[in-house]
Amino acid sequence: MNKKAAKAEKMKQKIISLLSKKTYGLSIDEISNSIGISRITASKYLAVMEAQGKVFVREIGNTKLHYLPKNIRGLMRHEKKQI
């Protein structure tokens, strides 16, 4: 693995770690501020991770909330109870 790929993998792991702690979903701004990268960089990583099935994205108005797939199941059950 080259240096650039290793850096990308490390950043993806930081995002996964953050989302595993914050199960209620985070916006791109919240993710970028938490791990110290630009919003655009976070957006690129999240788009790749969504395409790989590592992150689930839920749009609420003009905000996209990002979750780990394992955390979205609990959220969906919670929303059904509220309806």
PDB file of N, CA and C in Angstrom:
ATOM      1  N   MET A   1       0.857  -1.176   0.000  1.00  0.00           N
ATOM      2  CA  MET A   1       0.000   0.000   0.000  1.00  0.00           C
ATOM      3  C   MET A   1       0.903   1.239   0.000  1.00  0.00           C
ATOM      4  N   ASN A   2       0.621   2.155  -0.921  1.00  0.00           N
ATOM      5  CA  ASN A   2       1.443   3.359  -0.965  1.00  0.00           C
ATOM      6  C   ASN A   2       1.039   4.345   0.131  1.00  0.00           C
ATOM      7  N   LYS A   3       1.815   5.398   0.276  1.00  0.00           N
ATOM      8  CA  LYS A   3       1.615   6.365   1.359  1.00  0.00           C
ATOM      9  C   LYS A   3       0.253   7.054   1.272  1.00  0.00           C
ATOM     10  N   LYS A   4      -0.153   7.399   0.067  1.00  0.00           N
ATOM     11  CA  LYS A   4      -1.431   8.094  -0.129  1.00  0.00           C
ATOM     12  C   LYS A   4      -2.610   7.177   0.237  1.00  0.00           C
ATOM     13  N   ALA A   5      -2.538   5.923  -0.169  1.00  0.00           N
ATOM     14  CA  ALA A   5      -3.602   4.961   0.152  1.00  0.00           C
ATOM     15  C   ALA A   5      -3.657   4.690   1.651  1.00  0.00           C
ATOM     16  N   ALA A   6      -2.488   4.629   2.285  1.00  0.00           N
ATOM     17  CA  ALA A   6      -2.439   4.400   3.732  1.00  0.00           C
ATOM     18  C   ALA A   6      -3.066   5.572   4.481  1.00  0.00           C
ATOM     19  N   LYS A   7      -2.804   6.778   4.015  1.00  0.00           N
ATOM     20  CA  LYS A   7      -3.384   7.976   4.641  1.00  0.00           C
ATOM     21  C   LYS A   7      -4.905   7.977   4.480  1.00  0.00           C
ATOM     22  N   ALA A   8      -5.379   7.609   3.289  1.00  0.00           N
ATOM     23  CA  ALA A   8      -6.821   7.560   3.035  1.00  0.00           C
ATOM     24  C   ALA A   8      -7.486   6.523   3.928  1.00  0.00           C
ATOM     25  N   GLU A   9      -6.861   5.370   4.087  1.00  0.00           N
ATOM     26  CA  GLU A   9      -7.420   4.316   4.933  1.00  0.00           C
ATOM     27  C   GLU A   9      -7.460   4.753   6.393  1.00  0.00           C
ATOM     28  N   LYS A  10      -6.428   5.446   6.831  1.00  0.00           N
ATOM     29  CA  LYS A  10      -6.389   5.952   8.214  1.00  0.00           C
ATOM     30  C   LYS A  10      -7.522   6.959   8.448  1.00  0.00           C
ATOM     31  N   MET A  11      -7.768   7.819   7.470  1.00  0.00           N
ATOM     32  CA  MET A  11      -8.832   8.818   7.593  1.00  0.00           C
ATOM     33  C   MET A  11     -10.202   8.148   7.620  1.00  0.00           C
ATOM     34  N   LYS A  12     -10.392   7.126   6.795  1.00  0.00           N
ATOM     35  CA  LYS A  12     -11.660   6.389   6.801  1.00  0.00           C
ATOM     36  C   LYS A  12     -11.887   5.723   8.152  1.00  0.00           C
ATOM     37  N   GLN A  13     -10.823   5.206   8.747  1.00  0.00           N
ATOM     38  CA  GLN A  13     -10.944   4.586  10.066  1.00  0.00           C
ATOM     39  C   GLN A  13     -11.309   5.608  11.133  1.00  0.00           C
ATOM     40  N   LYS A  14     -10.780   6.827  11.018  1.00  0.00           N
ATOM     41  CA  LYS A  14     -11.154   7.898  11.951  1.00  0.00           C
ATOM     42  C   LYS A  14     -12.638   8.221  11.832  1.00  0.00           C
ATOM     43  N   ILE A  15     -13.130   8.273  10.599  1.00  0.00           N
ATOM     44  CA  ILE A  15     -14.540   8.561  10.367  1.00  0.00           C
ATOM     45  C   ILE A  15     -15.409   7.441  10.940  1.00  0.00           C
ATOM     46  N   ILE A  16     -15.032   6.206  10.694  1.00  0.00           N
ATOM     47  CA  ILE A  16     -15.789   5.064  11.221  1.00  0.00           C
ATOM     48  C   ILE A  16     -15.799   5.085  12.748  1.00  0.00           C
ATOM     49  N   SER A  17     -14.663   5.375  13.339  1.00  0.00           N
ATOM     50  CA  SER A  17     -14.577   5.440  14.794  1.00  0.00           C
ATOM     51  C   SER A  17     -15.493   6.536  15.345  1.00  0.00           C
ATOM     52  N   LEU A  18     -15.477   7.689  14.712  1.00  0.00           N
ATOM     53  CA  LEU A  18     -16.326   8.797  15.146  1.00  0.00           C
ATOM     54  C   LEU A  18     -17.803   8.440  15.026  1.00  0.00           C
ATOM     55  N   LEU A  19     -18.198   7.862  13.882  1.00  0.00           N
ATOM     56  CA  LEU A  19     -19.606   7.507  13.674  1.00  0.00           C
ATOM     57  C   LEU A  19     -20.051   6.371  14.593  1.00  0.00           C
ATOM     58  N   SER A  20     -19.136   5.525  15.007  1.00  0.00           N
ATOM     59  CA  SER A  20     -19.522   4.453  15.928  1.00  0.00           C
ATOM     60  C   SER A  20     -19.813   5.007  17.326  1.00  0.00           C
ATOM     61  N   LYS A  21     -19.201   6.127  17.662  1.00  0.00           N
ATOM     62  CA  LYS A  21     -19.439   6.770  18.958  1.00  0.00           C
ATOM     63  C   LYS A  21     -20.673   7.672  18.923  1.00  0.00           C
ATOM     64  N   LYS A  22     -20.940   8.265  17.781  1.00  0.00           N
ATOM     65  CA  LYS A  22     -22.060   9.212  17.621  1.00  0.00           C
ATOM     66  C   LYS A  22     -23.143   8.547  16.776  1.00  0.00           C
ATOM     67  N   THR A  23     -23.936   7.703  17.393  1.00  0.00           N
ATOM     68  CA  THR A  23     -24.890   6.866  16.662  1.00  0.00           C
ATOM     69  C   THR A  23     -26.102   7.626  16.141  1.00  0.00           C
ATOM     70  N   TYR A  24     -26.263   8.886  16.517  1.00  0.00           N
ATOM     71  CA  TYR A  24     -27.407   9.673  16.083  1.00  0.00           C
ATOM     72  C   TYR A  24     -27.207  10.334  14.728  1.00  0.00           C
ATOM     73  N   GLY A  25     -26.060  10.129  14.105  1.00  0.00           N
ATOM     74  CA  GLY A  25     -25.785  10.672  12.780  1.00  0.00           C
ATOM     75  C   GLY A  25     -25.089  12.021  12.860  1.00  0.00           C
ATOM     76  N   LEU A  26     -24.181  12.255  11.937  1.00  0.00           N
ATOM     77  CA  LEU A  26     -23.417  13.498  11.915  1.00  0.00           C
ATOM     78  C   LEU A  26     -23.418  14.099  10.516  1.00  0.00           C
ATOM     79  N   SER A  27     -23.415  15.418  10.467  1.00  0.00           N
ATOM     80  CA  SER A  27     -23.321  16.129   9.190  1.00  0.00           C
ATOM     81  C   SER A  27     -21.852  16.167   8.749  1.00  0.00           C
ATOM     82  N   ILE A  28     -21.639  16.565   7.515  1.00  0.00           N
ATOM     83  CA  ILE A  28     -20.272  16.688   6.999  1.00  0.00           C
ATOM     84  C   ILE A  28     -19.491  17.704   7.827  1.00  0.00           C
ATOM     85  N   ASP A  29     -20.117  18.823   8.179  1.00  0.00           N
ATOM     86  CA  ASP A  29     -19.437  19.833   8.996  1.00  0.00           C
ATOM     87  C   ASP A  29     -19.015  19.275  10.349  1.00  0.00           C
ATOM     88  N   GLU A  30     -19.899  18.522  10.992  1.00  0.00           N
ATOM     89  CA  GLU A  30     -19.571  17.940  12.295  1.00  0.00           C
ATOM     90  C   GLU A  30     -18.420  16.946  12.184  1.00  0.00           C
ATOM     91  N   ILE A  31     -18.436  16.156  11.131  1.00  0.00           N
ATOM     92  CA  ILE A  31     -17.358  15.173  10.932  1.00  0.00           C
ATOM     93  C   ILE A  31     -16.043  15.882  10.649  1.00  0.00           C
ATOM     94  N   SER A  32     -16.063  16.838   9.738  1.00  0.00           N
ATOM     95  CA  SER A  32     -14.817  17.528   9.376  1.00  0.00           C
ATOM     96  C   SER A  32     -14.232  18.283  10.568  1.00  0.00           C
ATOM     97  N   ASN A  33     -15.072  18.933  11.354  1.00  0.00           N
ATOM     98  CA  ASN A  33     -14.579  19.658  12.531  1.00  0.00           C
ATOM     99  C   ASN A  33     -14.034  18.706  13.590  1.00  0.00           C
ATOM    100  N   SER A  34     -14.648  17.563  13.753  1.00  0.00           N
ATOM    101  CA  SER A  34     -14.233  16.608  14.781  1.00  0.00           C
ATOM    102  C   SER A  34     -12.883  15.961  14.491  1.00  0.00           C
ATOM    103  N   ILE A  35     -12.607  15.718  13.207  1.00  0.00           N
ATOM    104  CA  ILE A  35     -11.344  15.039  12.902  1.00  0.00           C
ATOM    105  C   ILE A  35     -10.299  15.962  12.266  1.00  0.00           C
ATOM    106  N   GLY A  36     -10.640  17.240  12.135  1.00  0.00           N
ATOM    107  CA  GLY A  36      -9.647  18.223  11.705  1.00  0.00           C
ATOM    108  C   GLY A  36      -9.280  18.208  10.236  1.00  0.00           C
ATOM    109  N   ILE A  37     -10.276  18.003   9.384  1.00  0.00           N
ATOM    110  CA  ILE A  37     -10.043  18.086   7.937  1.00  0.00           C
ATOM    111  C   ILE A  37     -11.049  19.067   7.338  1.00  0.00           C
ATOM    112  N   SER A  38     -10.816  19.467   6.108  1.00  0.00           N
ATOM    113  CA  SER A  38     -11.739  20.405   5.471  1.00  0.00           C
ATOM    114  C   SER A  38     -13.063  19.714   5.151  1.00  0.00           C
ATOM    115  N   ARG A  39     -14.093  20.516   4.995  1.00  0.00           N
ATOM    116  CA  ARG A  39     -15.418  19.998   4.663  1.00  0.00           C
ATOM    117  C   ARG A  39     -15.384  19.253   3.330  1.00  0.00           C
ATOM    118  N   ILE A  40     -14.662  19.792   2.367  1.00  0.00           N
ATOM    119  CA  ILE A  40     -14.586  19.174   1.039  1.00  0.00           C
ATOM    120  C   ILE A  40     -13.874  17.819   1.107  1.00  0.00           C
ATOM    121  N   THR A  41     -12.796  17.745   1.884  1.00  0.00           N
ATOM    122  CA  THR A  41     -12.086  16.472   2.044  1.00  0.00           C
ATOM    123  C   THR A  41     -12.987  15.440   2.705  1.00  0.00           C
ATOM    124  N   ALA A  42     -13.686  15.851   3.756  1.00  0.00           N
ATOM    125  CA  ALA A  42     -14.616  14.940   4.434  1.00  0.00           C
ATOM    126  C   ALA A  42     -15.695  14.470   3.472  1.00  0.00           C
ATOM    127  N   SER A  43     -16.206  15.375   2.662  1.00  0.00           N
ATOM    128  CA  SER A  43     -17.248  15.044   1.697  1.00  0.00           C
ATOM    129  C   SER A  43     -16.770  13.980   0.712  1.00  0.00           C
ATOM    130  N   LYS A  44     -15.535  14.093   0.253  1.00  0.00           N
ATOM    131  CA  LYS A  44     -14.980  13.126  -0.701  1.00  0.00           C
ATOM    132  C   LYS A  44     -14.838  11.743  -0.057  1.00  0.00           C
ATOM    133  N   TYR A  45     -14.296  11.713   1.156  1.00  0.00           N
ATOM    134  CA  TYR A  45     -14.162  10.423   1.849  1.00  0.00           C
ATOM    135  C   TYR A  45     -15.532   9.794   2.085  1.00  0.00           C
ATOM    136  N   LEU A  46     -16.488  10.596   2.517  1.00  0.00           N
ATOM    137  CA  LEU A  46     -17.823  10.073   2.815  1.00  0.00           C
ATOM    138  C   LEU A  46     -18.521   9.555   1.560  1.00  0.00           C
ATOM    139  N   ALA A  47     -18.321  10.216   0.430  1.00  0.00           N
ATOM    140  CA  ALA A  47     -18.923   9.751  -0.825  1.00  0.00           C
ATOM    141  C   ALA A  47     -18.368   8.382  -1.216  1.00  0.00           C
ATOM    142  N   VAL A  48     -17.068   8.206  -1.067  1.00  0.00           N
ATOM    143  CA  VAL A  48     -16.439   6.910  -1.371  1.00  0.00           C
ATOM    144  C   VAL A  48     -16.961   5.845  -0.411  1.00  0.00           C
ATOM    145  N   MET A  49     -17.025   6.195   0.866  1.00  0.00           N
ATOM    146  CA  MET A  49     -17.475   5.241   1.872  1.00  0.00           C
ATOM    147  C   MET A  49     -18.943   4.870   1.673  1.00  0.00           C
ATOM    148  N   GLU A  50     -19.751   5.823   1.229  1.00  0.00           N
ATOM    149  CA  GLU A  50     -21.156   5.517   0.928  1.00  0.00           C
ATOM    150  C   GLU A  50     -21.245   4.544  -0.246  1.00  0.00           C
ATOM    151  N   ALA A  51     -20.457   4.778  -1.282  1.00  0.00           N
ATOM    152  CA  ALA A  51     -20.448   3.889  -2.451  1.00  0.00           C
ATOM    153  C   ALA A  51     -19.986   2.483  -2.079  1.00  0.00           C
ATOM    154  N   GLN A  52     -19.104   2.371  -1.100  1.00  0.00           N
ATOM    155  CA  GLN A  52     -18.603   1.068  -0.640  1.00  0.00           C
ATOM    156  C   GLN A  52     -19.566   0.397   0.346  1.00  0.00           C
ATOM    157  N   GLY A  53     -20.605   1.102   0.744  1.00  0.00           N
ATOM    158  CA  GLY A  53     -21.569   0.551   1.694  1.00  0.00           C
ATOM    159  C   GLY A  53     -21.118   0.632   3.143  1.00  0.00           C
ATOM    160  N   LYS A  54     -20.085   1.424   3.414  1.00  0.00           N
ATOM    161  CA  LYS A  54     -19.566   1.557   4.779  1.00  0.00           C
ATOM    162  C   LYS A  54     -20.300   2.631   5.573  1.00  0.00           C
ATOM    163  N   VAL A  55     -20.982   3.534   4.864  1.00  0.00           N
ATOM    164  CA  VAL A  55     -21.701   4.639   5.497  1.00  0.00           C
ATOM    165  C   VAL A  55     -23.073   4.752   4.846  1.00  0.00           C
ATOM    166  N   PHE A  56     -24.070   5.022   5.674  1.00  0.00           N
ATOM    167  CA  PHE A  56     -25.429   5.269   5.190  1.00  0.00           C
ATOM    168  C   PHE A  56     -25.700   6.757   5.326  1.00  0.00           C
ATOM    169  N   VAL A  57     -26.325   7.360   4.319  1.00  0.00           N
ATOM    170  CA  VAL A  57     -26.628   8.790   4.335  1.00  0.00           C
ATOM    171  C   VAL A  57     -28.139   8.986   4.326  1.00  0.00           C
ATOM    172  N   ARG A  58     -28.595   9.838   5.203  1.00  0.00           N
ATOM    173  CA  ARG A  58     -30.018  10.165   5.309  1.00  0.00           C
ATOM    174  C   ARG A  58     -30.168  11.670   5.148  1.00  0.00           C
ATOM    175  N   GLU A  59     -30.988  12.087   4.182  1.00  0.00           N
ATOM    176  CA  GLU A  59     -31.185  13.509   3.949  1.00  0.00           C
ATOM    177  C   GLU A  59     -32.382  14.007   4.741  1.00  0.00           C
ATOM    178  N   ILE A  60     -32.157  15.082   5.484  1.00  0.00           N
ATOM    179  CA  ILE A  60     -33.224  15.750   6.223  1.00  0.00           C
ATOM    180  C   ILE A  60     -33.154  17.215   5.823  1.00  0.00           C
ATOM    181  N   GLY A  61     -34.097  17.654   4.991  1.00  0.00           N
ATOM    182  CA  GLY A  61     -34.027  19.015   4.449  1.00  0.00           C
ATOM    183  C   GLY A  61     -32.787  19.135   3.584  1.00  0.00           C
ATOM    184  N   ASN A  62     -31.977  20.150   3.865  1.00  0.00           N
ATOM    185  CA  ASN A  62     -30.752  20.322   3.073  1.00  0.00           C
ATOM    186  C   ASN A  62     -29.527  19.758   3.790  1.00  0.00           C
ATOM    187  N   THR A  63     -29.754  18.983   4.843  1.00  0.00           N
ATOM    188  CA  THR A  63     -28.661  18.380   5.604  1.00  0.00           C
ATOM    189  C   THR A  63     -28.596  16.881   5.346  1.00  0.00           C
ATOM    190  N   LYS A  64     -27.381  16.380   5.206  1.00  0.00           N
ATOM    191  CA  LYS A  64     -27.166  14.942   5.077  1.00  0.00           C
ATOM    192  C   LYS A  64     -26.549  14.452   6.371  1.00  0.00           C
ATOM    193  N   LEU A  65     -27.202  13.474   6.988  1.00  0.00           N
ATOM    194  CA  LEU A  65     -26.652  12.867   8.190  1.00  0.00           C
ATOM    195  C   LEU A  65     -26.027  11.531   7.827  1.00  0.00           C
ATOM    196  N   HIS A  66     -24.872  11.258   8.385  1.00  0.00           N
ATOM    197  CA  HIS A  66     -24.099  10.064   8.070  1.00  0.00           C
ATOM    198  C   HIS A  66     -24.100   9.128   9.268  1.00  0.00           C
ATOM    199  N   TYR A  67     -24.325   7.851   8.987  1.00  0.00           N
ATOM    200  CA  TYR A  67     -24.407   6.804  10.000  1.00  0.00           C
ATOM    201  C   TYR A  67     -23.609   5.600   9.534  1.00  0.00           C
ATOM    202  N   LEU A  68     -23.248   4.758  10.472  1.00  0.00           N
ATOM    203  CA  LEU A  68     -22.765   3.434  10.110  1.00  0.00           C
ATOM    204  C   LEU A  68     -23.991   2.576   9.855  1.00  0.00           C
ATOM    205  N   PRO A  69     -23.939   1.662   8.896  1.00  0.00           N
ATOM    206  CA  PRO A  69     -25.113   0.824   8.601  1.00  0.00           C
ATOM    207  C   PRO A  69     -25.678   0.112   9.828  1.00  0.00           C
ATOM    208  N   LYS A  70     -24.821  -0.340  10.744  1.00  0.00           N
ATOM    209  CA  LYS A  70     -25.319  -1.043  11.931  1.00  0.00           C
ATOM    210  C   LYS A  70     -26.121  -0.108  12.833  1.00  0.00           C
ATOM    211  N   ASN A  71     -25.849   1.186  12.798  1.00  0.00           N
ATOM    212  CA  ASN A  71     -26.561   2.137  13.652  1.00  0.00           C
ATOM    213  C   ASN A  71     -27.887   2.585  13.052  1.00  0.00           C
ATOM    214  N   ILE A  72     -28.045   2.505  11.763  1.00  0.00           N
ATOM    215  CA  ILE A  72     -29.271   2.978  11.121  1.00  0.00           C
ATOM    216  C   ILE A  72     -30.448   2.062  11.432  1.00  0.00           C
ATOM    217  N   ARG A  73     -30.198   0.780  11.655  1.00  0.00           N
ATOM    218  CA  ARG A  73     -31.288  -0.145  11.969  1.00  0.00           C
ATOM    219  C   ARG A  73     -32.007   0.268  13.246  1.00  0.00           C
ATOM    220  N   GLY A  74     -31.257   0.618  14.268  1.00  0.00           N
ATOM    221  CA  GLY A  74     -31.854   1.056  15.523  1.00  0.00           C
ATOM    222  C   GLY A  74     -32.607   2.357  15.359  1.00  0.00           C
ATOM    223  N   LEU A  75     -32.100   3.253  14.540  1.00  0.00           N
ATOM    224  CA  LEU A  75     -32.764   4.524  14.293  1.00  0.00           C
ATOM    225  C   LEU A  75     -34.104   4.314  13.601  1.00  0.00           C
ATOM    226  N   MET A  76     -34.143   3.422  12.620  1.00  0.00           N
ATOM    227  CA  MET A  76     -35.380   3.147  11.895  1.00  0.00           C
ATOM    228  C   MET A  76     -36.440   2.568  12.825  1.00  0.00           C
ATOM    229  N   ARG A  77     -36.035   1.661  13.712  1.00  0.00           N
ATOM    230  CA  ARG A  77     -36.991   1.093  14.677  1.00  0.00           C
ATOM    231  C   ARG A  77     -37.520   2.176  15.599  1.00  0.00           C
ATOM    232  N   HIS A  78     -36.648   3.095  16.027  1.00  0.00           N
ATOM    233  CA  HIS A  78     -37.046   4.180  16.918  1.00  0.00           C
ATOM    234  C   HIS A  78     -38.062   5.104  16.234  1.00  0.00           C
ATOM    235  N   GLU A  79     -37.832   5.417  14.951  1.00  0.00           N
ATOM    236  CA  GLU A  79     -38.746   6.295  14.221  1.00  0.00           C
ATOM    237  C   GLU A  79     -40.104   5.652  14.040  1.00  0.00           C
ATOM    238  N   LYS A  80     -40.150   4.350  13.777  1.00  0.00           N
ATOM    239  CA  LYS A  80     -41.425   3.653  13.598  1.00  0.00           C
ATOM    240  C   LYS A  80     -42.251   3.705  14.871  1.00  0.00           C
ATOM    241  N   LYS A  81     -41.611   3.631  16.032  1.00  0.00           N
ATOM    242  CA  LYS A  81     -42.333   3.696  17.302  1.00  0.00           C
ATOM    243  C   LYS A  81     -42.961   5.066  17.508  1.00  0.00           C
ATOM    244  N   GLN A  82     -42.341   6.126  16.986  1.00  0.00           N
ATOM    245  CA  GLN A  82     -42.845   7.478  17.167  1.00  0.00           C
ATOM    246  C   GLN A  82     -44.019   7.793  16.261  1.00  0.00           C
ATOM    247  N   ILE A  83     -44.179   7.077  15.164  1.00  0.00           N
ATOM    248  CA  ILE A  83     -45.248   7.351  14.193  1.00  0.00           C
ATOM    249  C   ILE A  83     -46.576   6.892  14.699  1.00  0.00           C
TER     250      ILE A  83
END
